[in-house]
Amino acid sequence: MQLATNTLERVAPLTHAVGNVLKRVFVIGFSIVVFGNKISTQTGIGTAIAIAGVAIYSLIKANMEEQKRKAALSAAS
């Protein structure tokens, strides 16, 4: 959690969102390879929906954070 907070302070929200999605893809891929999890059609569809949901949520959240930053900068000027 601390690493995520420190990273968010140093990079743009969109970069953080993309990194979050890639992290989840890596974890899922890692579990498939290391633990030998089988991927059925239903599991593949569920995984794709979950990754898409995280991506959409992260992108919307990143967009909202960017708007807050811009508003704060405008108000300070």
PDB file of N, CA and C in Angstrom:
ATOM      1  N   MET A   1       0.828  -1.187   0.000  1.00  0.00           N
ATOM      2  CA  MET A   1       0.000   0.000   0.000  1.00  0.00           C
ATOM      3  C   MET A   1       0.878   1.258   0.000  1.00  0.00           C
ATOM      4  N   GLN A   2       1.916   1.254   0.804  1.00  0.00           N
ATOM      5  CA  GLN A   2       2.812   2.411   0.866  1.00  0.00           C
ATOM      6  C   GLN A   2       3.492   2.636  -0.472  1.00  0.00           C
ATOM      7  N   LEU A   3       3.908   1.541  -1.124  1.00  0.00           N
ATOM      8  CA  LEU A   3       4.548   1.665  -2.431  1.00  0.00           C
ATOM      9  C   LEU A   3       3.590   2.297  -3.436  1.00  0.00           C
ATOM     10  N   ALA A   4       2.341   1.879  -3.412  1.00  0.00           N
ATOM     11  CA  ALA A   4       1.351   2.449  -4.329  1.00  0.00           C
ATOM     12  C   ALA A   4       1.149   3.934  -4.069  1.00  0.00           C
ATOM     13  N   THR A   5       1.114   4.313  -2.803  1.00  0.00           N
ATOM     14  CA  THR A   5       0.935   5.721  -2.451  1.00  0.00           C
ATOM     15  C   THR A   5       2.131   6.552  -2.905  1.00  0.00           C
ATOM     16  N   ASN A   6       3.334   6.059  -2.643  1.00  0.00           N
ATOM     17  CA  ASN A   6       4.533   6.775  -3.075  1.00  0.00           C
ATOM     18  C   ASN A   6       4.597   6.888  -4.590  1.00  0.00           C
ATOM     19  N   THR A   7       4.234   5.813  -5.270  1.00  0.00           N
ATOM     20  CA  THR A   7       4.252   5.820  -6.733  1.00  0.00           C
ATOM     21  C   THR A   7       3.238   6.816  -7.273  1.00  0.00           C
ATOM     22  N   LEU A   8       2.052   6.847  -6.699  1.00  0.00           N
ATOM     23  CA  LEU A   8       1.007   7.752  -7.168  1.00  0.00           C
ATOM     24  C   LEU A   8       1.426   9.205  -7.026  1.00  0.00           C
ATOM     25  N   GLU A   9       2.194   9.511  -5.984  1.00  0.00           N
ATOM     26  CA  GLU A   9       2.659  10.881  -5.794  1.00  0.00           C
ATOM     27  C   GLU A   9       3.697  11.285  -6.833  1.00  0.00           C
ATOM     28  N   ARG A  10       4.399  10.319  -7.419  1.00  0.00           N
ATOM     29  CA  ARG A  10       5.501  10.614  -8.330  1.00  0.00           C
ATOM     30  C   ARG A  10       5.144  10.508  -9.812  1.00  0.00           C
ATOM     31  N   VAL A  11       4.066   9.815 -10.144  1.00  0.00           N
ATOM     32  CA  VAL A  11       3.706   9.639 -11.553  1.00  0.00           C
ATOM     33  C   VAL A  11       2.298  10.160 -11.798  1.00  0.00           C
ATOM     34  N   ALA A  12       1.982  10.309 -13.065  1.00  0.00           N
ATOM     35  CA  ALA A  12       0.644  10.764 -13.447  1.00  0.00           C
ATOM     36  C   ALA A  12      -0.386   9.683 -13.100  1.00  0.00           C
ATOM     37  N   PRO A  13      -1.607  10.068 -12.794  1.00  0.00           N
ATOM     38  CA  PRO A  13      -2.639   9.077 -12.455  1.00  0.00           C
ATOM     39  C   PRO A  13      -2.862   8.044 -13.555  1.00  0.00           C
ATOM     40  N   LEU A  14      -2.782   8.454 -14.807  1.00  0.00           N
ATOM     41  CA  LEU A  14      -2.989   7.511 -15.891  1.00  0.00           C
ATOM     42  C   LEU A  14      -1.888   6.453 -15.914  1.00  0.00           C
ATOM     43  N   THR A  15      -0.649   6.852 -15.673  1.00  0.00           N
ATOM     44  CA  THR A  15       0.462   5.912 -15.615  1.00  0.00           C
ATOM     45  C   THR A  15       0.248   4.925 -14.475  1.00  0.00           C
ATOM     46  N   HIS A  16      -0.219   5.412 -13.352  1.00  0.00           N
ATOM     47  CA  HIS A  16      -0.494   4.547 -12.211  1.00  0.00           C
ATOM     48  C   HIS A  16      -1.608   3.563 -12.548  1.00  0.00           C
ATOM     49  N   ALA A  17      -2.635   4.012 -13.248  1.00  0.00           N
ATOM     50  CA  ALA A  17      -3.753   3.144 -13.623  1.00  0.00           C
ATOM     51  C   ALA A  17      -3.290   2.026 -14.548  1.00  0.00           C
ATOM     52  N   VAL A  18      -2.478   2.376 -15.526  1.00  0.00           N
ATOM     53  CA  VAL A  18      -1.962   1.362 -16.454  1.00  0.00           C
ATOM     54  C   VAL A  18      -1.092   0.364 -15.701  1.00  0.00           C
ATOM     55  N   GLY A  19      -0.260   0.850 -14.792  1.00  0.00           N
ATOM     56  CA  GLY A  19       0.577  -0.044 -13.993  1.00  0.00           C
ATOM     57  C   GLY A  19      -0.254  -0.987 -13.136  1.00  0.00           C
ATOM     58  N   ASN A  20      -1.354  -0.486 -12.594  1.00  0.00           N
ATOM     59  CA  ASN A  20      -2.248  -1.309 -11.791  1.00  0.00           C
ATOM     60  C   ASN A  20      -2.843  -2.442 -12.616  1.00  0.00           C
ATOM     61  N   VAL A  21      -3.276  -2.142 -13.819  1.00  0.00           N
ATOM     62  CA  VAL A  21      -3.843  -3.177 -14.692  1.00  0.00           C
ATOM     63  C   VAL A  21      -2.770  -4.194 -15.075  1.00  0.00           C
ATOM     64  N   LEU A  22      -1.580  -3.715 -15.431  1.00  0.00           N
ATOM     65  CA  LEU A  22      -0.501  -4.632 -15.805  1.00  0.00           C
ATOM     66  C   LEU A  22      -0.103  -5.522 -14.636  1.00  0.00           C
ATOM     67  N   LYS A  23      -0.138  -4.984 -13.424  1.00  0.00           N
ATOM     68  CA  LYS A  23       0.161  -5.783 -12.236  1.00  0.00           C
ATOM     69  C   LYS A  23      -0.822  -6.935 -12.106  1.00  0.00           C
ATOM     70  N   ARG A  24      -2.094  -6.663 -12.322  1.00  0.00           N
ATOM     71  CA  ARG A  24      -3.104  -7.713 -12.208  1.00  0.00           C
ATOM     72  C   ARG A  24      -2.950  -8.761 -13.308  1.00  0.00           C
ATOM     73  N   VAL A  25      -2.634  -8.322 -14.509  1.00  0.00           N
ATOM     74  CA  VAL A  25      -2.396  -9.268 -15.601  1.00  0.00           C
ATOM     75  C   VAL A  25      -1.205 -10.164 -15.258  1.00  0.00           C
ATOM     76  N   PHE A  26      -0.144  -9.576 -14.706  1.00  0.00           N
ATOM     77  CA  PHE A  26       1.033 -10.344 -14.318  1.00  0.00           C
ATOM     78  C   PHE A  26       0.683 -11.377 -13.245  1.00  0.00           C
ATOM     79  N   VAL A  27      -0.071 -10.976 -12.227  1.00  0.00           N
ATOM     80  CA  VAL A  27      -0.431 -11.899 -11.156  1.00  0.00           C
ATOM     81  C   VAL A  27      -1.253 -13.066 -11.692  1.00  0.00           C
ATOM     82  N   ILE A  28      -2.196 -12.785 -12.562  1.00  0.00           N
ATOM     83  CA  ILE A  28      -3.015 -13.852 -13.140  1.00  0.00           C
ATOM     84  C   ILE A  28      -2.150 -14.769 -14.002  1.00  0.00           C
ATOM     85  N   GLY A  29      -1.310 -14.191 -14.854  1.00  0.00           N
ATOM     86  CA  GLY A  29      -0.426 -15.001 -15.694  1.00  0.00           C
ATOM     87  C   GLY A  29       0.545 -15.821 -14.866  1.00  0.00           C
ATOM     88  N   PHE A  30       1.079 -15.226 -13.808  1.00  0.00           N
ATOM     89  CA  PHE A  30       2.010 -15.918 -12.919  1.00  0.00           C
ATOM     90  C   PHE A  30       1.338 -17.122 -12.269  1.00  0.00           C
ATOM     91  N   SER A  31       0.103 -16.953 -11.811  1.00  0.00           N
ATOM     92  CA  SER A  31      -0.602 -18.066 -11.171  1.00  0.00           C
ATOM     93  C   SER A  31      -0.899 -19.183 -12.166  1.00  0.00           C
ATOM     94  N   ILE A  32      -1.146 -18.828 -13.411  1.00  0.00           N
ATOM     95  CA  ILE A  32      -1.396 -19.846 -14.430  1.00  0.00           C
ATOM     96  C   ILE A  32      -0.135 -20.665 -14.670  1.00  0.00           C
ATOM     97  N   VAL A  33       0.993 -19.987 -14.807  1.00  0.00           N
ATOM     98  CA  VAL A  33       2.256 -20.665 -15.108  1.00  0.00           C
ATOM     99  C   VAL A  33       2.775 -21.444 -13.901  1.00  0.00           C
ATOM    100  N   VAL A  34       2.868 -20.795 -12.751  1.00  0.00           N
ATOM    101  CA  VAL A  34       3.497 -21.411 -11.577  1.00  0.00           C
ATOM    102  C   VAL A  34       2.624 -22.502 -10.966  1.00  0.00           C
ATOM    103  N   PHE A  35       1.348 -22.228 -10.796  1.00  0.00           N
ATOM    104  CA  PHE A  35       0.467 -23.190 -10.137  1.00  0.00           C
ATOM    105  C   PHE A  35      -0.217 -24.137 -11.108  1.00  0.00           C
ATOM    106  N   GLY A  36      -0.019 -23.927 -12.398  1.00  0.00           N
ATOM    107  CA  GLY A  36      -0.600 -24.815 -13.398  1.00  0.00           C
ATOM    108  C   GLY A  36      -2.114 -24.747 -13.465  1.00  0.00           C
ATOM    109  N   ASN A  37      -2.664 -23.588 -13.151  1.00  0.00           N
ATOM    110  CA  ASN A  37      -4.122 -23.431 -13.218  1.00  0.00           C
ATOM    111  C   ASN A  37      -4.603 -23.604 -14.651  1.00  0.00           C
ATOM    112  N   LYS A  38      -5.657 -24.367 -14.792  1.00  0.00           N
ATOM    113  CA  LYS A  38      -6.254 -24.571 -16.114  1.00  0.00           C
ATOM    114  C   LYS A  38      -7.194 -23.409 -16.420  1.00  0.00           C
ATOM    115  N   ILE A  39      -7.206 -23.014 -17.671  1.00  0.00           N
ATOM    116  CA  ILE A  39      -8.064 -21.907 -18.094  1.00  0.00           C
ATOM    117  C   ILE A  39      -9.150 -22.459 -19.021  1.00  0.00           C
ATOM    118  N   SER A  40     -10.355 -22.555 -18.493  1.00  0.00           N
ATOM    119  CA  SER A  40     -11.492 -22.965 -19.315  1.00  0.00           C
ATOM    120  C   SER A  40     -12.036 -21.723 -20.022  1.00  0.00           C
ATOM    121  N   THR A  41     -12.977 -21.932 -20.889  1.00  0.00           N
ATOM    122  CA  THR A  41     -13.607 -20.804 -21.574  1.00  0.00           C
ATOM    123  C   THR A  41     -14.261 -19.873 -20.565  1.00  0.00           C
ATOM    124  N   GLN A  42     -14.960 -20.453 -19.604  1.00  0.00           N
ATOM    125  CA  GLN A  42     -15.640 -19.652 -18.598  1.00  0.00           C
ATOM    126  C   GLN A  42     -14.634 -18.869 -17.747  1.00  0.00           C
ATOM    127  N   THR A  43     -13.542 -19.511 -17.363  1.00  0.00           N
ATOM    128  CA  THR A  43     -12.510 -18.829 -16.586  1.00  0.00           C
ATOM    129  C   THR A  43     -11.865 -17.712 -17.398  1.00  0.00           C
ATOM    130  N   GLY A  44     -11.599 -17.969 -18.679  1.00  0.00           N
ATOM    131  CA  GLY A  44     -11.009 -16.947 -19.550  1.00  0.00           C
ATOM    132  C   GLY A  44     -11.910 -15.738 -19.695  1.00  0.00           C
ATOM    133  N   ILE A  45     -13.205 -15.993 -19.868  1.00  0.00           N
ATOM    134  CA  ILE A  45     -14.163 -14.887 -20.001  1.00  0.00           C
ATOM    135  C   ILE A  45     -14.234 -14.105 -18.685  1.00  0.00           C
ATOM    136  N   GLY A  46     -14.282 -14.807 -17.557  1.00  0.00           N
ATOM    137  CA  GLY A  46     -14.329 -14.145 -16.259  1.00  0.00           C
ATOM    138  C   GLY A  46     -13.082 -13.313 -16.001  1.00  0.00           C
ATOM    139  N   THR A  47     -11.936 -13.866 -16.373  1.00  0.00           N
ATOM    140  CA  THR A  47     -10.677 -13.136 -16.202  1.00  0.00           C
ATOM    141  C   THR A  47     -10.657 -11.884 -17.071  1.00  0.00           C
ATOM    142  N   ALA A  48     -11.097 -12.008 -18.306  1.00  0.00           N
ATOM    143  CA  ALA A  48     -11.134 -10.858 -19.212  1.00  0.00           C
ATOM    144  C   ALA A  48     -12.072  -9.769 -18.685  1.00  0.00           C
ATOM    145  N   ILE A  49     -13.229 -10.182 -18.164  1.00  0.00           N
ATOM    146  CA  ILE A  49     -14.173  -9.213 -17.605  1.00  0.00           C
ATOM    147  C   ILE A  49     -13.568  -8.517 -16.391  1.00  0.00           C
ATOM    148  N   ALA A  50     -12.900  -9.295 -15.528  1.00  0.00           N
ATOM    149  CA  ALA A  50     -12.283  -8.714 -14.334  1.00  0.00           C
ATOM    150  C   ALA A  50     -11.191  -7.713 -14.705  1.00  0.00           C
ATOM    151  N   ILE A  51     -10.341  -8.069 -15.661  1.00  0.00           N
ATOM    152  CA  ILE A  51      -9.266  -7.165 -16.085  1.00  0.00           C
ATOM    153  C   ILE A  51      -9.855  -5.917 -16.746  1.00  0.00           C
ATOM    154  N   ALA A  52     -10.874  -6.107 -17.574  1.00  0.00           N
ATOM    155  CA  ALA A  52     -11.516  -4.950 -18.210  1.00  0.00           C
ATOM    156  C   ALA A  52     -12.153  -4.041 -17.162  1.00  0.00           C
ATOM    157  N   GLY A  53     -12.778  -4.633 -16.142  1.00  0.00           N
ATOM    158  CA  GLY A  53     -13.388  -3.841 -15.077  1.00  0.00           C
ATOM    159  C   GLY A  53     -12.359  -3.022 -14.310  1.00  0.00           C
ATOM    160  N   VAL A  54     -11.236  -3.657 -13.993  1.00  0.00           N
ATOM    161  CA  VAL A  54     -10.159  -2.942 -13.294  1.00  0.00           C
ATOM    162  C   VAL A  54      -9.623  -1.818 -14.177  1.00  0.00           C
ATOM    163  N   ALA A  55      -9.462  -2.106 -15.463  1.00  0.00           N
ATOM    164  CA  ALA A  55      -8.939  -1.093 -16.385  1.00  0.00           C
ATOM    165  C   ALA A  55      -9.889   0.099 -16.475  1.00  0.00           C
ATOM    166  N   ILE A  56     -11.157  -0.159 -16.639  1.00  0.00           N
ATOM    167  CA  ILE A  56     -12.132   0.925 -16.757  1.00  0.00           C
ATOM    168  C   ILE A  56     -12.194   1.741 -15.464  1.00  0.00           C
ATOM    169  N   TYR A  57     -12.261   1.046 -14.336  1.00  0.00           N
ATOM    170  CA  TYR A  57     -12.294   1.734 -13.044  1.00  0.00           C
ATOM    171  C   TYR A  57     -11.044   2.597 -12.859  1.00  0.00           C
ATOM    172  N   SER A  58      -9.888   2.015 -13.141  1.00  0.00           N
ATOM    173  CA  SER A  58      -8.626   2.735 -12.949  1.00  0.00           C
ATOM    174  C   SER A  58      -8.531   3.954 -13.851  1.00  0.00           C
ATOM    175  N   LEU A  59      -8.962   3.818 -15.093  1.00  0.00           N
ATOM    176  CA  LEU A  59      -8.903   4.943 -16.023  1.00  0.00           C
ATOM    177  C   LEU A  59      -9.858   6.065 -15.610  1.00  0.00           C
ATOM    178  N   ILE A  60     -11.050   5.700 -15.161  1.00  0.00           N
ATOM    179  CA  ILE A  60     -12.000   6.716 -14.694  1.00  0.00           C
ATOM    180  C   ILE A  60     -11.454   7.416 -13.457  1.00  0.00           C
ATOM    181  N   LYS A  61     -10.914   6.637 -12.525  1.00  0.00           N
ATOM    182  CA  LYS A  61     -10.350   7.219 -11.311  1.00  0.00           C
ATOM    183  C   LYS A  61      -9.173   8.127 -11.637  1.00  0.00           C
ATOM    184  N   ALA A  62      -8.313   7.693 -12.571  1.00  0.00           N
ATOM    185  CA  ALA A  62      -7.164   8.506 -12.983  1.00  0.00           C
ATOM    186  C   ALA A  62      -7.637   9.817 -13.614  1.00  0.00           C
ATOM    187  N   ASN A  63      -8.667   9.744 -14.422  1.00  0.00           N
ATOM    188  CA  ASN A  63      -9.211  10.946 -15.059  1.00  0.00           C
ATOM    189  C   ASN A  63      -9.760  11.908 -14.012  1.00  0.00           C
ATOM    190  N   MET A  64     -10.441  11.380 -13.007  1.00  0.00           N
ATOM    191  CA  MET A  64     -10.980  12.226 -11.951  1.00  0.00           C
ATOM    192  C   MET A  64      -9.852  12.868 -11.136  1.00  0.00           C
ATOM    193  N   GLU A  65      -8.797  12.112 -10.842  1.00  0.00           N
ATOM    194  CA  GLU A  65      -7.654  12.665 -10.105  1.00  0.00           C
ATOM    195  C   GLU A  65      -6.967  13.774 -10.902  1.00  0.00           C
ATOM    196  N   GLU A  66      -6.834  13.577 -12.203  1.00  0.00           N
ATOM    197  CA  GLU A  66      -6.215  14.591 -13.050  1.00  0.00           C
ATOM    198  C   GLU A  66      -7.057  15.863 -13.070  1.00  0.00           C
ATOM    199  N   GLN A  67      -8.373  15.719 -13.122  1.00  0.00           N
ATOM    200  CA  GLN A  67      -9.250  16.882 -13.084  1.00  0.00           C
ATOM    201  C   GLN A  67      -9.132  17.621 -11.757  1.00  0.00           C
ATOM    202  N   LYS A  68      -8.998  16.860 -10.643  1.00  0.00           N
ATOM    203  CA  LYS A  68      -8.818  17.492  -9.327  1.00  0.00           C
ATOM    204  C   LYS A  68      -7.507  18.266  -9.279  1.00  0.00           C
ATOM    205  N   ARG A  69      -6.451  17.679  -9.832  1.00  0.00           N
ATOM    206  CA  ARG A  69      -5.153  18.375  -9.849  1.00  0.00           C
ATOM    207  C   ARG A  69      -5.228  19.664 -10.650  1.00  0.00           C
ATOM    208  N   LYS A  70      -5.867  19.593 -11.803  1.00  0.00           N
ATOM    209  CA  LYS A  70      -5.980  20.778 -12.647  1.00  0.00           C
ATOM    210  C   LYS A  70      -6.816  21.852 -11.960  1.00  0.00           C
ATOM    211  N   ALA A  71      -7.885  21.434 -11.293  1.00  0.00           N
ATOM    212  CA  ALA A  71      -8.725  22.402 -10.580  1.00  0.00           C
ATOM    213  C   ALA A  71      -7.969  23.045  -9.429  1.00  0.00           C
ATOM    214  N   ALA A  72      -7.171  22.250  -8.739  1.00  0.00           N
ATOM    215  CA  ALA A  72      -6.381  22.784  -7.624  1.00  0.00           C
ATOM    216  C   ALA A  72      -5.326  23.761  -8.126  1.00  0.00           C
ATOM    217  N   LEU A  73      -4.716  23.461  -9.255  1.00  0.00           N
ATOM    218  CA  LEU A  73      -3.731  24.363  -9.829  1.00  0.00           C
ATOM    219  C   LEU A  73      -4.377  25.653 -10.311  1.00  0.00           C
ATOM    220  N   SER A  74      -5.562  25.538 -10.903  1.00  0.00           N
ATOM    221  CA  SER A  74      -6.276  26.725 -11.366  1.00  0.00           C
ATOM    222  C   SER A  74      -6.692  27.602 -10.201  1.00  0.00           C
ATOM    223  N   ALA A  75      -7.138  26.981  -9.123  1.00  0.00           N
ATOM    224  CA  ALA A  75      -7.573  27.730  -7.946  1.00  0.00           C
ATOM    225  C   ALA A  75      -6.389  28.427  -7.264  1.00  0.00           C
ATOM    226  N   ALA A  76      -5.222  27.798  -7.316  1.00  0.00           N
ATOM    227  CA  ALA A  76      -4.035  28.378  -6.692  1.00  0.00           C
ATOM    228  C   ALA A  76      -3.470  29.542  -7.497  1.00  0.00           C
ATOM    229  N   SER A  77      -3.775  29.569  -8.764  1.00  0.00           N
ATOM    230  CA  SER A  77      -3.224  30.636  -9.634  1.00  0.00           C
ATOM    231  C   SER A  77      -3.956  31.938  -9.487  1.00  0.00           C
TER     232      SER A  77
END
